[in-house]
Protein backbone atom coordinates (compact mmCIF):
# COMPACT_ATOMS: atom_id res chain seq x y z
CA MET A 1 37.27 -42.58 -38.86
CA ILE A 2 37.15 -45.46 -41.14
CA LYS A 3 32.93 -45.08 -40.96
CA THR A 4 33.32 -41.29 -41.46
CA LEU A 5 35.57 -41.92 -44.77
CA ILE A 6 33.25 -44.71 -45.88
CA LYS A 7 29.87 -42.59 -45.68
CA SER A 8 31.91 -39.66 -47.07
CA LEU A 9 32.83 -42.03 -50.09
CA VAL A 10 28.93 -43.43 -50.79
CA LYS A 11 27.60 -39.80 -50.35
CA ILE A 12 29.99 -38.68 -53.15
CA SER A 13 29.16 -41.99 -55.01
CA ALA A 14 25.29 -40.97 -54.86
CA LEU A 15 25.69 -37.54 -56.03
CA GLY A 16 28.18 -38.10 -58.68
CA ALA A 17 25.61 -41.18 -59.78
CA PHE A 18 22.96 -38.43 -59.56
CA ILE A 19 24.69 -35.88 -61.54
CA PHE A 20 25.80 -38.32 -64.21
CA GLU A 21 21.83 -39.42 -64.73
CA LEU A 22 21.02 -35.40 -65.01
CA ILE A 23 23.34 -34.38 -67.57
CA GLY A 24 25.38 -37.44 -68.20
CA THR A 25 24.90 -38.74 -72.52
CA LYS A 26 23.20 -41.96 -73.15
CA GLU A 27 25.15 -44.52 -74.90
CA GLY A 28 24.69 -47.23 -76.95
CA LYS A 29 25.06 -51.13 -75.90
CA PRO A 30 26.80 -52.48 -78.55
CA GLU A 31 27.40 -56.32 -77.21
CA GLY A 32 28.89 -58.11 -80.89
CA ASN A 33 31.43 -57.06 -83.19
CA VAL A 34 28.65 -56.56 -85.73
CA GLN A 35 25.65 -54.66 -85.04
CA ILE A 36 22.66 -54.85 -86.85
CA HIS A 37 18.60 -54.62 -87.20
CA PRO A 38 17.00 -57.83 -85.93
CA ILE A 39 14.38 -57.07 -88.78
CA LYS A 40 13.82 -54.05 -91.52
CA LEU A 41 9.78 -53.51 -91.67
CA SER A 42 10.14 -50.33 -93.11
CA GLY A 43 6.90 -47.86 -92.46
CA ARG A 44 4.89 -44.70 -93.15
CA THR A 45 2.91 -42.20 -91.39
CA LEU A 46 -0.29 -41.33 -91.84
CA PHE A 47 -2.51 -38.27 -90.69
CA ILE A 48 -5.49 -38.99 -88.57
CA ARG A 49 -7.34 -35.59 -88.08
CA GLU A 50 -3.85 -33.58 -86.71
CA GLN A 51 -2.32 -36.88 -85.28
CA GLU A 52 0.60 -38.22 -87.15
CA VAL A 53 0.27 -41.87 -86.80
CA PHE A 54 3.49 -44.23 -87.61
CA VAL A 55 2.40 -47.46 -89.22
CA ARG A 56 4.45 -50.34 -90.59
CA GLU A 57 3.03 -52.77 -93.17
CA SER A 58 4.20 -55.80 -94.58
CA TYR A 59 1.03 -57.48 -97.29
CA ILE A 60 0.86 -60.59 -99.02
CA LYS A 61 -1.90 -61.03 -101.53
CA ASP A 62 -5.36 -62.38 -100.42
CA LYS A 63 -3.51 -63.38 -96.42
CA PRO A 64 -5.09 -62.47 -93.46
CA VAL A 65 -3.73 -59.15 -92.05
CA LEU A 66 -2.65 -59.24 -88.38
CA VAL A 67 -2.79 -56.05 -86.65
CA LEU A 68 0.06 -55.63 -84.11
CA LEU A 69 -0.67 -53.49 -81.07
CA HIS A 70 2.48 -53.10 -78.40
CA SER A 71 3.08 -52.59 -74.79
CA TRP A 72 3.41 -49.79 -72.83
CA GLY A 73 6.45 -47.94 -72.96
CA SER A 74 7.69 -49.53 -76.08
CA ASP A 75 6.87 -49.46 -80.44
CA SER A 76 5.61 -51.68 -82.90
CA LEU A 77 8.58 -52.79 -83.72
CA GLY A 78 10.60 -53.14 -80.07
CA SER A 79 7.34 -55.01 -78.90
CA TRP A 80 7.12 -57.56 -82.15
CA PHE A 81 10.90 -57.56 -83.55
CA LYS A 82 10.85 -61.41 -82.51
CA VAL A 83 7.37 -61.99 -83.58
CA ILE A 84 7.21 -60.51 -87.03
CA PRO A 85 9.57 -62.48 -88.44
CA LEU A 86 7.75 -65.67 -87.52
CA LEU A 87 4.66 -64.70 -88.73
CA GLN A 88 4.90 -62.30 -91.96
CA LYS A 89 5.65 -65.06 -93.98
CA ASN A 90 1.73 -66.41 -94.23
CA TYR A 91 0.30 -63.16 -92.78
CA SER A 92 0.23 -59.48 -93.97
CA ILE A 93 1.48 -57.27 -90.93
CA ILE A 94 0.15 -53.77 -90.19
CA ALA A 95 1.80 -53.03 -86.72
CA ILE A 96 0.90 -49.68 -85.34
CA ASP A 97 2.84 -47.13 -82.89
CA LEU A 98 0.20 -46.00 -80.11
CA LYS A 99 -0.17 -42.45 -79.17
CA ASN A 100 2.64 -41.04 -77.23
CA HIS A 101 4.99 -44.16 -78.70
CA GLY A 102 7.41 -44.63 -81.25
CA ARG A 103 7.33 -42.62 -83.86
CA THR A 104 3.22 -41.48 -83.55
CA ASP A 105 2.68 -37.97 -82.06
CA GLY A 106 2.42 -37.21 -78.48
CA SER A 107 0.72 -34.79 -76.43
CA TRP A 108 0.42 -34.25 -72.82
CA THR A 109 -2.98 -35.59 -72.46
CA ARG A 110 -3.63 -38.68 -70.91
CA TRP A 111 -3.27 -41.41 -72.73
CA ASP A 112 -6.42 -42.80 -73.09
CA ILE A 113 -7.32 -46.29 -74.33
CA THR A 114 -10.58 -45.82 -76.19
CA ASP A 115 -9.00 -42.79 -78.44
CA ASN A 116 -6.21 -44.98 -79.08
CA ALA A 117 -9.02 -47.62 -80.36
CA ASP A 118 -10.46 -44.73 -82.40
CA MET A 119 -7.08 -44.18 -83.98
CA VAL A 120 -6.31 -47.62 -84.80
CA ALA A 121 -10.02 -48.14 -86.44
CA THR A 122 -9.25 -45.57 -88.30
CA VAL A 123 -5.96 -46.43 -89.58
CA LEU A 124 -7.72 -49.38 -90.79
CA LYS A 125 -11.00 -47.60 -92.45
CA ASP A 126 -8.20 -45.46 -94.41
CA LEU A 127 -6.08 -48.69 -95.22
CA GLY A 128 -9.37 -50.24 -96.58
CA ILE A 129 -8.88 -53.10 -94.17
CA ARG A 130 -11.95 -55.43 -92.90
CA ASP A 131 -11.59 -58.71 -90.66
CA SER A 132 -8.38 -57.81 -89.51
CA ILE A 133 -6.80 -59.86 -86.54
CA LEU A 134 -5.81 -57.89 -84.00
CA VAL A 135 -2.95 -59.12 -81.69
CA GLY A 136 -2.33 -57.05 -78.45
CA TRP A 137 0.07 -56.95 -75.91
CA SER A 138 -0.83 -55.82 -72.53
CA ILE A 139 -2.03 -51.94 -72.86
CA GLY A 140 -2.23 -53.14 -76.56
CA SER A 141 -4.17 -55.97 -75.65
CA ALA A 142 -6.54 -53.60 -74.06
CA VAL A 143 -6.64 -51.57 -77.30
CA ALA A 144 -7.41 -54.54 -79.05
CA LEU A 145 -10.39 -55.70 -76.76
CA SER A 146 -11.79 -52.01 -77.49
CA VAL A 147 -11.40 -52.13 -81.29
CA ALA A 148 -13.37 -55.35 -81.04
CA LYS A 149 -16.35 -53.99 -78.79
CA ASN A 150 -16.50 -50.58 -80.82
CA TYR A 151 -16.01 -51.94 -84.03
CA PRO A 152 -16.63 -55.45 -84.67
CA ASP A 153 -17.36 -54.98 -88.17
CA LEU A 154 -13.30 -53.95 -88.65
CA VAL A 155 -12.43 -57.51 -86.74
CA SER A 156 -12.93 -61.28 -87.28
CA LYS A 157 -10.44 -62.61 -84.51
CA GLN A 158 -8.19 -61.51 -81.38
CA VAL A 159 -5.18 -62.40 -80.00
CA LEU A 160 -4.87 -60.97 -76.51
CA VAL A 161 -1.43 -61.25 -74.77
CA THR A 162 -1.17 -60.78 -71.02
CA PRO A 163 -4.71 -59.24 -71.06
CA PHE A 164 -6.61 -57.55 -68.08
CA ALA A 165 -9.73 -56.44 -67.30
CA TRP A 166 -9.40 -53.11 -65.79
CA THR A 167 -6.20 -50.76 -64.80
CA VAL A 168 -5.43 -50.11 -61.00
CA ASN A 169 -6.14 -46.41 -61.12
CA SER A 170 -9.91 -46.86 -61.96
CA GLU A 171 -10.00 -48.33 -58.10
CA TYR A 172 -7.62 -46.65 -56.11
CA LYS A 173 -7.17 -42.84 -57.89
CA GLU A 174 -9.37 -41.32 -54.87
CA LYS A 175 -7.00 -42.52 -52.47
CA PRO A 176 -4.85 -41.00 -50.40
CA TRP A 177 -1.80 -43.21 -50.30
CA PHE A 178 -2.19 -44.09 -53.88
CA LYS A 179 -1.52 -40.37 -54.92
CA ILE A 180 1.36 -40.37 -53.02
CA VAL A 181 2.87 -43.55 -55.07
CA VAL A 182 1.98 -41.65 -58.20
CA GLY A 183 3.95 -38.73 -56.94
CA LEU A 184 6.64 -41.00 -56.07
CA VAL A 185 6.70 -42.56 -59.39
CA ARG A 186 6.71 -39.43 -61.01
CA VAL A 187 9.32 -38.11 -59.35
CA ARG A 188 11.71 -40.94 -60.24
CA GLU A 189 11.04 -40.95 -63.74
CA ARG A 190 11.45 -37.06 -63.81
CA LEU A 191 15.09 -37.80 -62.09
CA PHE A 192 16.07 -40.91 -63.59
CA PRO A 193 14.30 -40.79 -67.37
CA ILE A 194 16.91 -43.68 -68.37
CA TYR A 195 15.39 -46.19 -65.65
CA ASN A 196 12.64 -47.49 -67.80
CA PRO A 197 14.36 -48.27 -71.00
CA ASN A 198 17.67 -49.37 -68.81
CA SER A 199 15.38 -52.05 -66.90
CA LYS A 200 14.02 -53.52 -70.54
CA TYR A 201 16.93 -53.84 -72.07
CA LYS A 202 18.44 -55.70 -68.94
CA PHE A 203 15.64 -57.65 -68.97
CA LEU A 204 16.14 -58.71 -73.08
CA ARG A 205 20.01 -59.24 -71.98
CA LYS A 206 19.41 -61.42 -68.81
CA SER A 207 16.19 -63.77 -70.55
CA GLU A 208 18.79 -64.31 -73.49
CA SER A 209 15.89 -62.74 -75.79
CA LEU A 210 18.32 -60.41 -77.47
CA ASN A 211 21.35 -61.58 -79.37
CA ASP A 212 24.64 -60.06 -79.25
CA GLU A 213 24.39 -58.48 -82.72
CA TYR A 214 20.70 -56.73 -82.11
CA SER A 215 22.27 -55.10 -78.70
CA ASP A 216 22.67 -51.48 -80.12
CA TRP A 217 19.53 -51.68 -82.05
CA ALA A 218 17.72 -52.52 -78.83
CA TRP A 219 19.26 -49.66 -76.74
CA SER A 220 18.46 -46.81 -78.91
CA ASN A 221 15.04 -48.26 -79.69
CA LEU A 222 14.40 -48.64 -76.27
CA ASN A 223 15.50 -45.02 -75.49
CA ARG A 224 13.46 -43.49 -78.50
CA SER A 225 10.40 -44.86 -77.18
CA LYS A 226 9.77 -41.71 -75.50
CA ASP A 227 9.94 -43.37 -71.62
CA ALA A 228 10.97 -39.81 -70.46
CA PHE A 229 7.82 -38.33 -72.02
CA ILE A 230 5.11 -41.09 -71.18
CA TYR A 231 6.12 -41.76 -67.92
CA GLN A 232 5.97 -37.98 -66.68
CA ASP A 233 2.75 -38.34 -65.34
CA GLY A 234 4.05 -41.31 -63.40
CA SER A 235 1.33 -44.08 -63.20
CA ARG A 236 -1.58 -41.71 -64.26
CA TYR A 237 -0.45 -42.63 -67.70
CA VAL A 238 -4.15 -43.45 -68.81
CA VAL A 239 -7.53 -42.66 -68.50
CA PRO A 240 -8.92 -45.43 -65.73
CA PHE A 241 -9.72 -48.60 -67.64
CA ASP A 242 -12.24 -50.66 -67.17
CA ALA A 243 -13.64 -53.43 -69.32
CA ARG A 244 -15.71 -55.47 -66.81
CA PRO A 245 -19.13 -54.09 -67.69
CA TRP A 246 -18.94 -54.73 -71.16
CA ALA A 247 -16.44 -57.74 -72.13
CA HIS A 248 -19.36 -60.13 -72.02
CA GLU A 249 -20.40 -57.78 -75.42
CA VAL A 250 -17.19 -58.84 -77.46
CA ARG A 251 -18.18 -62.24 -79.03
CA ILE A 252 -15.42 -62.62 -81.69
CA GLU A 253 -13.19 -65.68 -81.31
CA THR A 254 -10.63 -64.74 -78.98
CA LEU A 255 -7.19 -66.23 -77.66
CA ALA A 256 -5.81 -65.25 -74.88
CA VAL A 257 -1.99 -65.88 -74.28
CA ILE A 258 -1.19 -65.98 -70.51
CA GLY A 259 2.61 -66.30 -68.70
CA GLY A 260 2.54 -68.58 -66.06
CA SER A 261 5.01 -66.46 -64.10
CA ASP A 262 3.73 -63.03 -64.95
CA LYS A 263 3.64 -61.10 -61.60
CA LEU A 264 2.32 -57.84 -63.39
CA VAL A 265 -0.72 -59.39 -65.04
CA PRO A 266 -0.91 -62.90 -62.87
CA GLU A 267 -3.05 -65.34 -64.12
CA LYS A 268 -6.17 -65.10 -61.70
CA VAL A 269 -6.16 -60.94 -62.87
CA ALA A 270 -5.97 -62.30 -66.45
CA SER A 271 -9.40 -64.29 -65.62
CA GLU A 272 -11.16 -61.44 -64.58
CA LEU A 273 -11.24 -60.72 -68.15
CA THR A 274 -11.49 -64.45 -69.78
CA ASP A 275 -13.81 -65.23 -67.55
CA LEU A 276 -16.14 -62.80 -68.91
CA LEU A 277 -16.02 -63.43 -72.21
CA PRO A 278 -18.05 -65.65 -74.58
CA ASN A 279 -16.32 -66.89 -77.03
CA VAL A 280 -12.22 -67.47 -76.10
CA ARG A 281 -9.88 -70.23 -75.68
CA ILE A 282 -7.13 -69.69 -73.04
CA LYS A 283 -3.46 -70.61 -73.19
CA LYS A 284 -0.96 -70.65 -70.24
CA ILE A 285 2.85 -70.24 -71.25
CA ASN A 286 4.77 -72.28 -68.30
CA GLY A 287 7.32 -70.24 -67.21
CA ALA A 288 7.04 -67.06 -69.30
CA THR A 289 6.85 -63.34 -67.24
CA HIS A 290 4.91 -60.81 -68.87
CA ALA A 291 7.50 -60.48 -72.04
CA VAL A 292 6.03 -63.23 -73.50
CA PRO A 293 6.33 -62.03 -77.11
CA TRP A 294 10.07 -61.43 -76.39
CA SER A 295 11.15 -64.48 -74.08
CA HIS A 296 8.64 -66.79 -76.09
CA ALA A 297 8.56 -65.55 -79.41
CA GLU A 298 8.32 -69.07 -81.15
CA GLU A 299 5.76 -70.17 -78.58
CA LEU A 300 3.53 -67.46 -79.00
CA SER A 301 3.69 -67.84 -82.85
CA GLY A 302 2.85 -71.15 -82.92
CA GLU A 303 -0.22 -70.77 -80.56
CA ILE A 304 -1.25 -67.70 -82.77
CA ILE A 305 -0.90 -70.04 -86.04
CA ASN A 306 -2.63 -73.02 -84.09
CA PHE A 307 -5.49 -70.12 -83.19
CA LEU A 308 -5.89 -68.91 -86.87
CA GLU A 309 -5.72 -72.05 -88.74
CA ASN A 310 -7.50 -74.51 -86.64
């Protein structure tokens, strides 16, 4: 009798949670008396052919231009909100929302790293920027690497944070088991679109990377970065990327920053790329996971400054 009652309660609770995920209203996560933005860096849109691209800018006359390229499922401010204040006093900053992210236009066509690299290059040309310094995190590092390879005249140096040489779908995309995994991920994202922004928010709080007064902003930002949209295709989000055949051609000075405790892109995986780069300096941040710009912003910024100044 008791077991039957417990099973019934569990089923009712599960059904209730499922219905809430489908029709419930998303709420902010204020965890402080006064809620503020961690940084106020305004932006504007540029039209790259028929695509509207959102760009944040902060210029200092005669200072090198850092071009910040964000991680998957975030945007130019959400990824770099802790790093920008540490760099913008001494460097000009351009932070770009990539396709299907932030305030840049999205589409149902698959997310292509090369297309995004072309978009970034066109933005730099439109702004009259030459000899820029690319700083890319995760997927952003792949975009940076592609810009450096295809548009070397626009780039003087690059910083690749948690970089990789290839995406797993380029190796396994035709395998039946991979298609099943992709399908399950797609189902999860369609049924629970709040899952990814919520997991990122929990990491920010658990790692103490987010002050109480920024909590409502972070929750809003994470839910505005189109997670439900960009994840709809579940793990097939990007046309297969593989830099291994051409990474050796990227000869500009490179700093690769690796998280010592990164499980998403472990040191061994990152080395598949760094071993190919002919002019690379490697820095491992012990204890850092994949979220280096969030959890180790000061150390990362220090490494970037040291790389650029020495």
